[in-house]
Amino acid sequence: MLYPLLKILLKNYMKTNQYVDYVLDLLAPLGGIKARKMFGGYGIYKDGVFFALIFDNILYFKVDDKSRSQYESFGSKPFSYEGKNGKMVTISYWEVPVDILEDRTQLEQWLEKAVLAVKRTKK
């Protein structure tokens, strides 16, 4: 599978702003997409709903119990970082597989599921 190689190439050869522009270009046809700098990365919004983040040239979508298995089946990992006390903190945003990024139909479906995950979490 080409995925690991493409991931390395994207990470090593694209500056963060270029990757953000790349992601915004992919998502633009879906409408209402904006990016904002936050915490050393970028938050991605659809019609004002924060559903994704970009950190270290990796796109992560919001995931909940209904969508997590889809990400796991692709071998995706959740976003994590080292907390104040040195412990790893994992949040419910998971890496979007390159296969999905390259398929506009699937990307749209995954984006919509991420937005729904945010809305379900807020209830």
PDB file of N, CA and C in Angstrom:
ATOM      1  N   MET A   1       0.842  -1.179   0.000  1.00  0.00           N
ATOM      2  CA  MET A   1       0.000   0.000   0.000  1.00  0.00           C
ATOM      3  C   MET A   1       0.892   1.249   0.000  1.00  0.00           C
ATOM      4  N   LEU A   2       0.508   2.237  -0.724  1.00  0.00           N
ATOM      5  CA  LEU A   2       1.261   3.472  -0.897  1.00  0.00           C
ATOM      6  C   LEU A   2       1.143   4.402   0.312  1.00  0.00           C
ATOM      7  N   TYR A   3       0.198   4.151   1.180  1.00  0.00           N
ATOM      8  CA  TYR A   3      -0.122   5.054   2.291  1.00  0.00           C
ATOM      9  C   TYR A   3       1.089   5.498   3.110  1.00  0.00           C
ATOM     10  N   PRO A   4       1.932   4.579   3.651  1.00  0.00           N
ATOM     11  CA  PRO A   4       3.049   5.053   4.486  1.00  0.00           C
ATOM     12  C   PRO A   4       4.005   5.971   3.724  1.00  0.00           C
ATOM     13  N   LEU A   5       4.285   5.659   2.482  1.00  0.00           N
ATOM     14  CA  LEU A   5       5.178   6.485   1.688  1.00  0.00           C
ATOM     15  C   LEU A   5       4.580   7.871   1.450  1.00  0.00           C
ATOM     16  N   LEU A   6       3.312   7.915   1.082  1.00  0.00           N
ATOM     17  CA  LEU A   6       2.656   9.200   0.839  1.00  0.00           C
ATOM     18  C   LEU A   6       2.622  10.039   2.111  1.00  0.00           C
ATOM     19  N   LYS A   7       2.367   9.396   3.231  1.00  0.00           N
ATOM     20  CA  LYS A   7       2.335  10.106   4.509  1.00  0.00           C
ATOM     21  C   LYS A   7       3.692  10.740   4.805  1.00  0.00           C
ATOM     22  N   ILE A   8       4.760  10.004   4.593  1.00  0.00           N
ATOM     23  CA  ILE A   8       6.111  10.520   4.830  1.00  0.00           C
ATOM     24  C   ILE A   8       6.413  11.678   3.887  1.00  0.00           C
ATOM     25  N   LEU A   9       6.050  11.518   2.616  1.00  0.00           N
ATOM     26  CA  LEU A   9       6.297  12.577   1.640  1.00  0.00           C
ATOM     27  C   LEU A   9       5.544  13.851   2.005  1.00  0.00           C
ATOM     28  N   LEU A  10       4.279  13.710   2.361  1.00  0.00           N
ATOM     29  CA  LEU A  10       3.492  14.884   2.737  1.00  0.00           C
ATOM     30  C   LEU A  10       4.096  15.582   3.947  1.00  0.00           C
ATOM     31  N   LYS A  11       4.489  14.809   4.931  1.00  0.00           N
ATOM     32  CA  LYS A  11       5.016  15.378   6.164  1.00  0.00           C
ATOM     33  C   LYS A  11       6.352  16.071   5.927  1.00  0.00           C
ATOM     34  N   ASN A  12       7.214  15.463   5.126  1.00  0.00           N
ATOM     35  CA  ASN A  12       8.558  15.987   4.946  1.00  0.00           C
ATOM     36  C   ASN A  12       8.675  17.083   3.901  1.00  0.00           C
ATOM     37  N   TYR A  13       7.811  17.090   2.901  1.00  0.00           N
ATOM     38  CA  TYR A  13       7.990  18.011   1.794  1.00  0.00           C
ATOM     39  C   TYR A  13       6.996  19.163   1.744  1.00  0.00           C
ATOM     40  N   MET A  14       5.987  19.120   2.520  1.00  0.00           N
ATOM     41  CA  MET A  14       5.021  20.213   2.521  1.00  0.00           C
ATOM     42  C   MET A  14       5.178  21.026   3.790  1.00  0.00           C
ATOM     43  N   LYS A  15       5.279  22.308   3.630  1.00  0.00           N
ATOM     44  CA  LYS A  15       5.242  23.172   4.795  1.00  0.00           C
ATOM     45  C   LYS A  15       3.815  23.165   5.317  1.00  0.00           C
ATOM     46  N   THR A  16       3.649  23.465   6.582  1.00  0.00           N
ATOM     47  CA  THR A  16       2.330  23.399   7.201  1.00  0.00           C
ATOM     48  C   THR A  16       1.300  24.213   6.436  1.00  0.00           C
ATOM     49  N   ASN A  17       1.626  25.437   6.060  1.00  0.00           N
ATOM     50  CA  ASN A  17       0.655  26.267   5.343  1.00  0.00           C
ATOM     51  C   ASN A  17       0.277  25.644   4.006  1.00  0.00           C
ATOM     52  N   GLN A  18       1.217  25.002   3.331  1.00  0.00           N
ATOM     53  CA  GLN A  18       0.915  24.333   2.068  1.00  0.00           C
ATOM     54  C   GLN A  18      -0.042  23.166   2.305  1.00  0.00           C
ATOM     55  N   TYR A  19       0.171  22.422   3.383  1.00  0.00           N
ATOM     56  CA  TYR A  19      -0.710  21.294   3.674  1.00  0.00           C
ATOM     57  C   TYR A  19      -2.110  21.787   4.023  1.00  0.00           C
ATOM     58  N   VAL A  20      -2.192  22.851   4.793  1.00  0.00           N
ATOM     59  CA  VAL A  20      -3.499  23.422   5.129  1.00  0.00           C
ATOM     60  C   VAL A  20      -4.212  23.858   3.848  1.00  0.00           C
ATOM     61  N   ASP A  21      -3.499  24.519   2.953  1.00  0.00           N
ATOM     62  CA  ASP A  21      -4.083  24.928   1.670  1.00  0.00           C
ATOM     63  C   ASP A  21      -4.544  23.719   0.861  1.00  0.00           C
ATOM     64  N   TYR A  22      -3.738  22.660   0.872  1.00  0.00           N
ATOM     65  CA  TYR A  22      -4.089  21.418   0.177  1.00  0.00           C
ATOM     66  C   TYR A  22      -5.398  20.848   0.725  1.00  0.00           C
ATOM     67  N   VAL A  23      -5.502  20.770   2.048  1.00  0.00           N
ATOM     68  CA  VAL A  23      -6.719  20.243   2.682  1.00  0.00           C
ATOM     69  C   VAL A  23      -7.913  21.141   2.378  1.00  0.00           C
ATOM     70  N   LEU A  24      -7.732  22.448   2.477  1.00  0.00           N
ATOM     71  CA  LEU A  24      -8.832  23.373   2.187  1.00  0.00           C
ATOM     72  C   LEU A  24      -9.288  23.236   0.738  1.00  0.00           C
ATOM     73  N   ASP A  25      -8.359  23.029  -0.182  1.00  0.00           N
ATOM     74  CA  ASP A  25      -8.724  22.805  -1.587  1.00  0.00           C
ATOM     75  C   ASP A  25      -9.546  21.527  -1.750  1.00  0.00           C
ATOM     76  N   LEU A  26      -9.155  20.474  -1.016  1.00  0.00           N
ATOM     77  CA  LEU A  26      -9.908  19.215  -1.084  1.00  0.00           C
ATOM     78  C   LEU A  26     -11.336  19.389  -0.563  1.00  0.00           C
ATOM     79  N   LEU A  27     -11.477  20.161   0.505  1.00  0.00           N
ATOM     80  CA  LEU A  27     -12.766  20.291   1.182  1.00  0.00           C
ATOM     81  C   LEU A  27     -13.633  21.424   0.642  1.00  0.00           C
ATOM     82  N   ALA A  28     -13.040  22.355  -0.087  1.00  0.00           N
ATOM     83  CA  ALA A  28     -13.758  23.549  -0.569  1.00  0.00           C
ATOM     84  C   ALA A  28     -15.063  23.236  -1.307  1.00  0.00           C
ATOM     85  N   PRO A  29     -15.095  22.208  -2.175  1.00  0.00           N
ATOM     86  CA  PRO A  29     -16.353  21.931  -2.887  1.00  0.00           C
ATOM     87  C   PRO A  29     -17.527  21.595  -1.963  1.00  0.00           C
ATOM     88  N   LEU A  30     -17.247  21.245  -0.720  1.00  0.00           N
ATOM     89  CA  LEU A  30     -18.310  20.893   0.220  1.00  0.00           C
ATOM     90  C   LEU A  30     -18.947  22.139   0.833  1.00  0.00           C
ATOM     91  N   GLY A  31     -18.288  23.286   0.691  1.00  0.00           N
ATOM     92  CA  GLY A  31     -18.850  24.554   1.141  1.00  0.00           C
ATOM     93  C   GLY A  31     -18.706  24.811   2.623  1.00  0.00           C
ATOM     94  N   GLY A  32     -18.555  26.078   2.975  1.00  0.00           N
ATOM     95  CA  GLY A  32     -18.535  26.508   4.368  1.00  0.00           C
ATOM     96  C   GLY A  32     -17.303  26.105   5.151  1.00  0.00           C
ATOM     97  N   ILE A  33     -16.192  25.811   4.479  1.00  0.00           N
ATOM     98  CA  ILE A  33     -14.984  25.331   5.149  1.00  0.00           C
ATOM     99  C   ILE A  33     -14.042  26.497   5.440  1.00  0.00           C
ATOM    100  N   LYS A  34     -13.573  26.571   6.675  1.00  0.00           N
ATOM    101  CA  LYS A  34     -12.622  27.597   7.119  1.00  0.00           C
ATOM    102  C   LYS A  34     -11.565  26.943   8.010  1.00  0.00           C
ATOM    103  N   ALA A  35     -10.381  27.559   8.046  1.00  0.00           N
ATOM    104  CA  ALA A  35      -9.313  27.097   8.942  1.00  0.00           C
ATOM    105  C   ALA A  35      -8.883  28.243   9.840  1.00  0.00           C
ATOM    106  N   ARG A  36      -8.554  27.900  11.095  1.00  0.00           N
ATOM    107  CA  ARG A  36      -8.050  28.896  12.049  1.00  0.00           C
ATOM    108  C   ARG A  36      -6.851  28.308  12.775  1.00  0.00           C
ATOM    109  N   LYS A  37      -5.819  29.125  12.951  1.00  0.00           N
ATOM    110  CA  LYS A  37      -4.659  28.683  13.722  1.00  0.00           C
ATOM    111  C   LYS A  37      -5.074  28.462  15.166  1.00  0.00           C
ATOM    112  N   MET A  38      -4.549  27.377  15.738  1.00  0.00           N
ATOM    113  CA  MET A  38      -4.824  27.106  17.145  1.00  0.00           C
ATOM    114  C   MET A  38      -3.807  26.103  17.701  1.00  0.00           C
ATOM    115  N   PHE A  39      -3.257  26.396  18.863  1.00  0.00           N
ATOM    116  CA  PHE A  39      -2.394  25.471  19.603  1.00  0.00           C
ATOM    117  C   PHE A  39      -1.286  24.843  18.756  1.00  0.00           C
ATOM    118  N   GLY A  40      -0.666  25.593  17.884  1.00  0.00           N
ATOM    119  CA  GLY A  40       0.416  25.063  17.058  1.00  0.00           C
ATOM    120  C   GLY A  40      -0.060  24.297  15.844  1.00  0.00           C
ATOM    121  N   GLY A  41      -1.351  24.260  15.625  1.00  0.00           N
ATOM    122  CA  GLY A  41      -1.927  23.585  14.468  1.00  0.00           C
ATOM    123  C   GLY A  41      -3.041  24.433  13.897  1.00  0.00           C
ATOM    124  N   TYR A  42      -4.020  23.791  13.286  1.00  0.00           N
ATOM    125  CA  TYR A  42      -5.161  24.487  12.701  1.00  0.00           C
ATOM    126  C   TYR A  42      -6.443  23.756  13.057  1.00  0.00           C
ATOM    127  N   GLY A  43      -7.476  24.518  13.375  1.00  0.00           N
ATOM    128  CA  GLY A  43      -8.821  23.975  13.521  1.00  0.00           C
ATOM    129  C   GLY A  43      -9.536  24.146  12.194  1.00  0.00           C
ATOM    130  N   ILE A  44     -10.293  23.139  11.787  1.00  0.00           N
ATOM    131  CA  ILE A  44     -11.050  23.192  10.531  1.00  0.00           C
ATOM    132  C   ILE A  44     -12.533  23.197  10.893  1.00  0.00           C
ATOM    133  N   TYR A  45     -13.258  24.124  10.289  1.00  0.00           N
ATOM    134  CA  TYR A  45     -14.667  24.336  10.589  1.00  0.00           C
ATOM    135  C   TYR A  45     -15.515  24.195   9.332  1.00  0.00           C
ATOM    136  N   LYS A  46     -16.696  23.627   9.498  1.00  0.00           N
ATOM    137  CA  LYS A  46     -17.702  23.617   8.432  1.00  0.00           C
ATOM    138  C   LYS A  46     -18.922  24.343   8.961  1.00  0.00           C
ATOM    139  N   ASP A  47     -19.248  25.460   8.335  1.00  0.00           N
ATOM    140  CA  ASP A  47     -20.385  26.274   8.767  1.00  0.00           C
ATOM    141  C   ASP A  47     -20.328  26.561  10.266  1.00  0.00           C
ATOM    142  N   GLY A  48     -19.117  26.868  10.757  1.00  0.00           N
ATOM    143  CA  GLY A  48     -18.929  27.230  12.158  1.00  0.00           C
ATOM    144  C   GLY A  48     -18.757  26.073  13.120  1.00  0.00           C
ATOM    145  N   VAL A  49     -18.849  24.829  12.636  1.00  0.00           N
ATOM    146  CA  VAL A  49     -18.697  23.651  13.498  1.00  0.00           C
ATOM    147  C   VAL A  49     -17.259  23.143  13.401  1.00  0.00           C
ATOM    148  N   PHE A  50     -16.561  23.110  14.538  1.00  0.00           N
ATOM    149  CA  PHE A  50     -15.186  22.619  14.609  1.00  0.00           C
ATOM    150  C   PHE A  50     -15.216  21.093  14.535  1.00  0.00           C
ATOM    151  N   PHE A  51     -14.824  20.536  13.383  1.00  0.00           N
ATOM    152  CA  PHE A  51     -14.931  19.094  13.156  1.00  0.00           C
ATOM    153  C   PHE A  51     -13.594  18.422  12.854  1.00  0.00           C
ATOM    154  N   ALA A  52     -12.539  19.206  12.657  1.00  0.00           N
ATOM    155  CA  ALA A  52     -11.251  18.618  12.275  1.00  0.00           C
ATOM    156  C   ALA A  52     -10.113  19.490  12.768  1.00  0.00           C
ATOM    157  N   LEU A  53      -8.936  18.886  12.808  1.00  0.00           N
ATOM    158  CA  LEU A  53      -7.748  19.646  13.114  1.00  0.00           C
ATOM    159  C   LEU A  53      -6.596  19.143  12.261  1.00  0.00           C
ATOM    160  N   ILE A  54      -5.644  20.024  12.061  1.00  0.00           N
ATOM    161  CA  ILE A  54      -4.418  19.670  11.351  1.00  0.00           C
ATOM    162  C   ILE A  54      -3.273  19.965  12.305  1.00  0.00           C
ATOM    163  N   PHE A  55      -2.453  18.968  12.513  1.00  0.00           N
ATOM    164  CA  PHE A  55      -1.274  19.133  13.341  1.00  0.00           C
ATOM    165  C   PHE A  55      -0.154  18.320  12.727  1.00  0.00           C
ATOM    166  N   ASP A  56       0.992  18.937  12.544  1.00  0.00           N
ATOM    167  CA  ASP A  56       2.165  18.259  11.984  1.00  0.00           C
ATOM    168  C   ASP A  56       1.842  17.627  10.620  1.00  0.00           C
ATOM    169  N   ASN A  57       1.105  18.388   9.796  1.00  0.00           N
ATOM    170  CA  ASN A  57       0.716  17.966   8.441  1.00  0.00           C
ATOM    171  C   ASN A  57      -0.094  16.670   8.413  1.00  0.00           C
ATOM    172  N   ILE A  58      -0.909  16.479   9.425  1.00  0.00           N
ATOM    173  CA  ILE A  58      -1.834  15.337   9.459  1.00  0.00           C
ATOM    174  C   ILE A  58      -3.227  15.897   9.727  1.00  0.00           C
ATOM    175  N   LEU A  59      -4.203  15.429   8.942  1.00  0.00           N
ATOM    176  CA  LEU A  59      -5.597  15.827   9.116  1.00  0.00           C
ATOM    177  C   LEU A  59      -6.297  14.819  10.019  1.00  0.00           C
ATOM    178  N   TYR A  60      -6.979  15.332  11.029  1.00  0.00           N
ATOM    179  CA  TYR A  60      -7.742  14.511  11.968  1.00  0.00           C
ATOM    180  C   TYR A  60      -9.194  14.958  11.940  1.00  0.00           C
ATOM    181  N   PHE A  61     -10.116  13.991  11.916  1.00  0.00           N
ATOM    182  CA  PHE A  61     -11.550  14.280  11.991  1.00  0.00           C
ATOM    183  C   PHE A  61     -12.072  13.866  13.358  1.00  0.00           C
ATOM    184  N   LYS A  62     -13.121  14.553  13.809  1.00  0.00           N
ATOM    185  CA  LYS A  62     -13.811  14.202  15.056  1.00  0.00           C
ATOM    186  C   LYS A  62     -14.437  12.822  14.906  1.00  0.00           C
ATOM    187  N   VAL A  63     -14.276  12.007  15.935  1.00  0.00           N
ATOM    188  CA  VAL A  63     -14.764  10.630  15.929  1.00  0.00           C
ATOM    189  C   VAL A  63     -15.537  10.391  17.216  1.00  0.00           C
ATOM    190  N   ASP A  64     -16.563   9.558  17.128  1.00  0.00           N
ATOM    191  CA  ASP A  64     -17.274   9.124  18.330  1.00  0.00           C
ATOM    192  C   ASP A  64     -17.464   7.617  18.251  1.00  0.00           C
ATOM    193  N   ASP A  65     -18.244   7.066  19.175  1.00  0.00           N
ATOM    194  CA  ASP A  65     -18.421   5.614  19.219  1.00  0.00           C
ATOM    195  C   ASP A  65     -19.025   5.054  17.930  1.00  0.00           C
ATOM    196  N   LYS A  66     -19.833   5.842  17.240  1.00  0.00           N
ATOM    197  CA  LYS A  66     -20.468   5.371  16.006  1.00  0.00           C
ATOM    198  C   LYS A  66     -19.510   5.317  14.826  1.00  0.00           C
ATOM    199  N   SER A  67     -18.456   6.120  14.831  1.00  0.00           N
ATOM    200  CA  SER A  67     -17.565   6.182  13.672  1.00  0.00           C
ATOM    201  C   SER A  67     -16.153   5.642  13.927  1.00  0.00           C
ATOM    202  N   ARG A  68     -15.802   5.383  15.164  1.00  0.00           N
ATOM    203  CA  ARG A  68     -14.434   4.972  15.507  1.00  0.00           C
ATOM    204  C   ARG A  68     -13.969   3.717  14.768  1.00  0.00           C
ATOM    205  N   SER A  69     -14.826   2.726  14.630  1.00  0.00           N
ATOM    206  CA  SER A  69     -14.410   1.465  14.001  1.00  0.00           C
ATOM    207  C   SER A  69     -13.979   1.661  12.547  1.00  0.00           C
ATOM    208  N   GLN A  70     -14.578   2.633  11.889  1.00  0.00           N
ATOM    209  CA  GLN A  70     -14.206   2.938  10.505  1.00  0.00           C
ATOM    210  C   GLN A  70     -12.736   3.368  10.443  1.00  0.00           C
ATOM    211  N   TYR A  71     -12.319   4.192  11.354  1.00  0.00           N
ATOM    212  CA  TYR A  71     -10.940   4.666  11.403  1.00  0.00           C
ATOM    213  C   TYR A  71      -9.997   3.535  11.794  1.00  0.00           C
ATOM    214  N   GLU A  72     -10.416   2.750  12.770  1.00  0.00           N
ATOM    215  CA  GLU A  72      -9.597   1.621  13.213  1.00  0.00           C
ATOM    216  C   GLU A  72      -9.362   0.633  12.076  1.00  0.00           C
ATOM    217  N   SER A  73     -10.364   0.430  11.220  1.00  0.00           N
ATOM    218  CA  SER A  73     -10.224  -0.531  10.118  1.00  0.00           C
ATOM    219  C   SER A  73      -9.160  -0.090   9.110  1.00  0.00           C
ATOM    220  N   PHE A  74      -8.843   1.203   9.069  1.00  0.00           N
ATOM    221  CA  PHE A  74      -7.801   1.725   8.192  1.00  0.00           C
ATOM    222  C   PHE A  74      -6.453   1.828   8.908  1.00  0.00           C
ATOM    223  N   GLY A  75      -6.423   1.472  10.189  1.00  0.00           N
ATOM    224  CA  GLY A  75      -5.191   1.569  10.959  1.00  0.00           C
ATOM    225  C   GLY A  75      -4.885   2.977  11.440  1.00  0.00           C
ATOM    226  N   SER A  76      -5.891   3.854  11.426  1.00  0.00           N
ATOM    227  CA  SER A  76      -5.706   5.231  11.894  1.00  0.00           C
ATOM    228  C   SER A  76      -5.483   5.261  13.394  1.00  0.00           C
ATOM    229  N   LYS A  77      -4.880   6.347  13.837  1.00  0.00           N
ATOM    230  CA  LYS A  77      -4.609   6.551  15.256  1.00  0.00           C
ATOM    231  C   LYS A  77      -5.224   7.872  15.696  1.00  0.00           C
ATOM    232  N   PRO A  78      -5.584   7.970  16.970  1.00  0.00           N
ATOM    233  CA  PRO A  78      -6.118   9.235  17.472  1.00  0.00           C
ATOM    234  C   PRO A  78      -5.009  10.254  17.693  1.00  0.00           C
ATOM    235  N   PHE A  79      -5.384  11.514  17.681  1.00  0.00           N
ATOM    236  CA  PHE A  79      -4.452  12.588  17.998  1.00  0.00           C
ATOM    237  C   PHE A  79      -4.111  12.500  19.473  1.00  0.00           C
ATOM    238  N   SER A  80      -2.828  12.593  19.782  1.00  0.00           N
ATOM    239  CA  SER A  80      -2.413  12.588  21.184  1.00  0.00           C
ATOM    240  C   SER A  80      -1.246  13.557  21.359  1.00  0.00           C
ATOM    241  N   TYR A  81      -1.077  13.982  22.590  1.00  0.00           N
ATOM    242  CA  TYR A  81       0.000  14.908  22.917  1.00  0.00           C
ATOM    243  C   TYR A  81       0.410  14.681  24.365  1.00  0.00           C
ATOM    244  N   GLU A  82       1.575  15.196  24.709  1.00  0.00           N
ATOM    245  CA  GLU A  82       2.058  15.056  26.076  1.00  0.00           C
ATOM    246  C   GLU A  82       1.483  16.171  26.932  1.00  0.00           C
ATOM    247  N   GLY A  83       0.784  15.781  27.985  1.00  0.00           N
ATOM    248  CA  GLY A  83       0.168  16.733  28.895  1.00  0.00           C
ATOM    249  C   GLY A  83       1.173  17.359  29.848  1.00  0.00           C
ATOM    250  N   LYS A  84       0.685  18.239  30.713  1.00  0.00           N
ATOM    251  CA  LYS A  84       1.535  18.982  31.646  1.00  0.00           C
ATOM    252  C   LYS A  84       2.373  18.074  32.537  1.00  0.00           C
ATOM    253  N   ASN A  85       1.787  16.982  32.983  1.00  0.00           N
ATOM    254  CA  ASN A  85       2.480  16.081  33.906  1.00  0.00           C
ATOM    255  C   ASN A  85       3.272  14.985  33.192  1.00  0.00           C
ATOM    256  N   GLY A  86       3.440  15.104  31.892  1.00  0.00           N
ATOM    257  CA  GLY A  86       4.211  14.124  31.129  1.00  0.00           C
ATOM    258  C   GLY A  86       3.404  12.932  30.650  1.00  0.00           C
ATOM    259  N   LYS A  87       2.142  12.862  31.032  1.00  0.00           N
ATOM    260  CA  LYS A  87       1.280  11.764  30.581  1.00  0.00           C
ATOM    261  C   LYS A  87       0.719  12.078  29.209  1.00  0.00           C
ATOM    262  N   MET A  88       0.549  11.041  28.393  1.00  0.00           N
ATOM    263  CA  MET A  88      -0.030  11.211  27.064  1.00  0.00           C
ATOM    264  C   MET A  88      -1.535  11.426  27.180  1.00  0.00           C
ATOM    265  N   VAL A  89      -2.022  12.416  26.455  1.00  0.00           N
ATOM    266  CA  VAL A  89      -3.443  12.744  26.410  1.00  0.00           C
ATOM    267  C   VAL A  89      -3.932  12.424  25.003  1.00  0.00           C
ATOM    268  N   THR A  90      -5.003  11.665  24.918  1.00  0.00           N
ATOM    269  CA  THR A  90      -5.584  11.301  23.629  1.00  0.00           C
ATOM    270  C   THR A  90      -6.973  11.926  23.544  1.00  0.00           C
ATOM    271  N   ILE A  91      -7.252  12.531  22.392  1.00  0.00           N
ATOM    272  CA  ILE A  91      -8.568  13.137  22.200  1.00  0.00           C
ATOM    273  C   ILE A  91      -9.285  12.435  21.054  1.00  0.00           C
ATOM    274  N   SER A  92     -10.557  12.738  20.881  1.00  0.00           N
ATOM    275  CA  SER A  92     -11.402  11.998  19.931  1.00  0.00           C
ATOM    276  C   SER A  92     -11.345  12.558  18.505  1.00  0.00           C
ATOM    277  N   TYR A  93     -10.149  12.891  18.068  1.00  0.00           N
ATOM    278  CA  TYR A  93      -9.897  13.264  16.678  1.00  0.00           C
ATOM    279  C   TYR A  93      -8.907  12.253  16.124  1.00  0.00           C
ATOM    280  N   TRP A  94      -9.294  11.595  15.015  1.00  0.00           N
ATOM    281  CA  TRP A  94      -8.483  10.519  14.456  1.00  0.00           C
ATOM    282  C   TRP A  94      -7.977  10.879  13.071  1.00  0.00           C
ATOM    283  N   GLU A  95      -6.803  10.349  12.756  1.00  0.00           N
ATOM    284  CA  GLU A  95      -6.158  10.599  11.471  1.00  0.00           C
ATOM    285  C   GLU A  95      -7.033  10.125  10.307  1.00  0.00           C
ATOM    286  N   VAL A  96      -7.206  10.999   9.309  1.00  0.00           N
ATOM    287  CA  VAL A  96      -7.971  10.639   8.111  1.00  0.00           C
ATOM    288  C   VAL A  96      -7.036   9.889   7.168  1.00  0.00           C
ATOM    289  N   PRO A  97      -7.368   8.661   6.800  1.00  0.00           N
ATOM    290  CA  PRO A  97      -6.499   7.883   5.906  1.00  0.00           C
ATOM    291  C   PRO A  97      -6.324   8.557   4.540  1.00  0.00           C
ATOM    292  N   VAL A  98      -5.140   8.417   3.977  1.00  0.00           N
ATOM    293  CA  VAL A  98      -4.847   8.993   2.671  1.00  0.00           C
ATOM    294  C   VAL A  98      -5.812   8.455   1.611  1.00  0.00           C
ATOM    295  N   ASP A  99      -6.179   7.184   1.719  1.00  0.00           N
ATOM    296  CA  ASP A  99      -7.140   6.605   0.766  1.00  0.00           C
ATOM    297  C   ASP A  99      -8.442   7.394   0.740  1.00  0.00           C
ATOM    298  N   ILE A 100      -8.850   7.885   1.884  1.00  0.00           N
ATOM    299  CA  ILE A 100     -10.083   8.675   1.977  1.00  0.00           C
ATOM    300  C   ILE A 100      -9.858  10.071   1.404  1.00  0.00           C
ATOM    301  N   LEU A 101      -8.697  10.659   1.693  1.00  0.00           N
ATOM    302  CA  LEU A 101      -8.386  11.984   1.145  1.00  0.00           C
ATOM    303  C   LEU A 101      -8.408  11.989  -0.379  1.00  0.00           C
ATOM    304  N   GLU A 102      -8.052  10.864  -0.982  1.00  0.00           N
ATOM    305  CA  GLU A 102      -7.962  10.774  -2.437  1.00  0.00           C
ATOM    306  C   GLU A 102      -9.289  10.424  -3.107  1.00  0.00           C
ATOM    307  N   ASP A 103     -10.323  10.177  -2.337  1.00  0.00           N
ATOM    308  CA  ASP A 103     -11.630   9.792  -2.878  1.00  0.00           C
ATOM    309  C   ASP A 103     -12.667  10.820  -2.430  1.00  0.00           C
ATOM    310  N   ARG A 104     -13.023  11.708  -3.327  1.00  0.00           N
ATOM    311  CA  ARG A 104     -13.908  12.833  -2.982  1.00  0.00           C
ATOM    312  C   ARG A 104     -15.230  12.363  -2.365  1.00  0.00           C
ATOM    313  N   THR A 105     -15.826  11.305  -2.897  1.00  0.00           N
ATOM    314  CA  THR A 105     -17.106  10.819  -2.374  1.00  0.00           C
ATOM    315  C   THR A 105     -16.959  10.335  -0.935  1.00  0.00           C
ATOM    316  N   GLN A 106     -15.941   9.521  -0.694  1.00  0.00           N
ATOM    317  CA  GLN A 106     -15.727   9.032   0.666  1.00  0.00           C
ATOM    318  C   GLN A 106     -15.334  10.164   1.612  1.00  0.00           C
ATOM    319  N   LEU A 107     -14.513  11.095   1.124  1.00  0.00           N
ATOM    320  CA  LEU A 107     -14.110  12.224   1.956  1.00  0.00           C
ATOM    321  C   LEU A 107     -15.331  13.017   2.409  1.00  0.00           C
ATOM    322  N   GLU A 108     -16.258  13.244   1.505  1.00  0.00           N
ATOM    323  CA  GLU A 108     -17.484  13.963   1.860  1.00  0.00           C
ATOM    324  C   GLU A 108     -18.272  13.198   2.921  1.00  0.00           C
ATOM    325  N   GLN A 109     -18.378  11.883   2.766  1.00  0.00           N
ATOM    326  CA  GLN A 109     -19.116  11.065   3.735  1.00  0.00           C
ATOM    327  C   GLN A 109     -18.437  11.100   5.110  1.00  0.00           C
ATOM    328  N   TRP A 110     -17.117  10.988   5.126  1.00  0.00           N
ATOM    329  CA  TRP A 110     -16.388  11.005   6.392  1.00  0.00           C
ATOM    330  C   TRP A 110     -16.494  12.374   7.056  1.00  0.00           C
ATOM    331  N   LEU A 111     -16.448  13.440   6.269  1.00  0.00           N
ATOM    332  CA  LEU A 111     -16.595  14.790   6.812  1.00  0.00           C
ATOM    333  C   LEU A 111     -17.966  14.942   7.465  1.00  0.00           C
ATOM    334  N   GLU A 112     -18.998  14.508   6.776  1.00  0.00           N
ATOM    335  CA  GLU A 112     -20.357  14.616   7.331  1.00  0.00           C
ATOM    336  C   GLU A 112     -20.483  13.821   8.625  1.00  0.00           C
ATOM    337  N   LYS A 113     -19.858  12.638   8.694  1.00  0.00           N
ATOM    338  CA  LYS A 113     -19.884  11.843   9.924  1.00  0.00           C
ATOM    339  C   LYS A 113     -19.141  12.552  11.047  1.00  0.00           C
ATOM    340  N   ALA A 114     -18.059  13.262  10.705  1.00  0.00           N
ATOM    341  CA  ALA A 114     -17.313  14.010  11.716  1.00  0.00           C
ATOM    342  C   ALA A 114     -18.154  15.153  12.272  1.00  0.00           C
ATOM    343  N   VAL A 115     -18.859  15.854  11.398  1.00  0.00           N
ATOM    344  CA  VAL A 115     -19.732  16.948  11.844  1.00  0.00           C
ATOM    345  C   VAL A 115     -20.850  16.390  12.727  1.00  0.00           C
ATOM    346  N   LEU A 116     -21.419  15.260  12.333  1.00  0.00           N
ATOM    347  CA  LEU A 116     -22.459  14.624  13.158  1.00  0.00           C
ATOM    348  C   LEU A 116     -21.903  14.191  14.516  1.00  0.00           C
ATOM    349  N   ALA A 117     -20.667  13.705  14.528  1.00  0.00           N
ATOM    350  CA  ALA A 117     -20.038  13.295  15.795  1.00  0.00           C
ATOM    351  C   ALA A 117     -19.929  14.486  16.739  1.00  0.00           C
ATOM    352  N   VAL A 118     -19.583  15.656  16.196  1.00  0.00           N
ATOM    353  CA  VAL A 118     -19.517  16.866  17.023  1.00  0.00           C
ATOM    354  C   VAL A 118     -20.901  17.177  17.592  1.00  0.00           C
ATOM    355  N   LYS A 119     -21.905  17.134  16.734  1.00  0.00           N
ATOM    356  CA  LYS A 119     -23.265  17.465  17.177  1.00  0.00           C
ATOM    357  C   LYS A 119     -23.781  16.469  18.219  1.00  0.00           C
ATOM    358  N   ARG A 120     -23.454  15.196  18.055  1.00  0.00           N
ATOM    359  CA  ARG A 120     -23.889  14.195  19.047  1.00  0.00           C
ATOM    360  C   ARG A 120     -23.171  14.412  20.375  1.00  0.00           C
ATOM    361  N   THR A 121     -21.920  14.816  20.320  1.00  0.00           N
ATOM    362  CA  THR A 121     -21.133  15.042  21.532  1.00  0.00           C
ATOM    363  C   THR A 121     -21.668  16.222  22.321  1.00  0.00           C
ATOM    364  N   LYS A 122     -22.195  17.234  21.642  1.00  0.00           N
ATOM    365  CA  LYS A 122     -22.694  18.433  22.300  1.00  0.00           C
ATOM    366  C   LYS A 122     -24.025  18.212  23.006  1.00  0.00           C
ATOM    367  N   LYS A 123     -24.712  17.116  22.724  1.00  0.00           N
ATOM    368  CA  LYS A 123     -26.028  16.881  23.332  1.00  0.00           C
ATOM    369  C   LYS A 123     -25.899  16.499  24.781  1.00  0.00           C
TER     370      LYS A 123
END
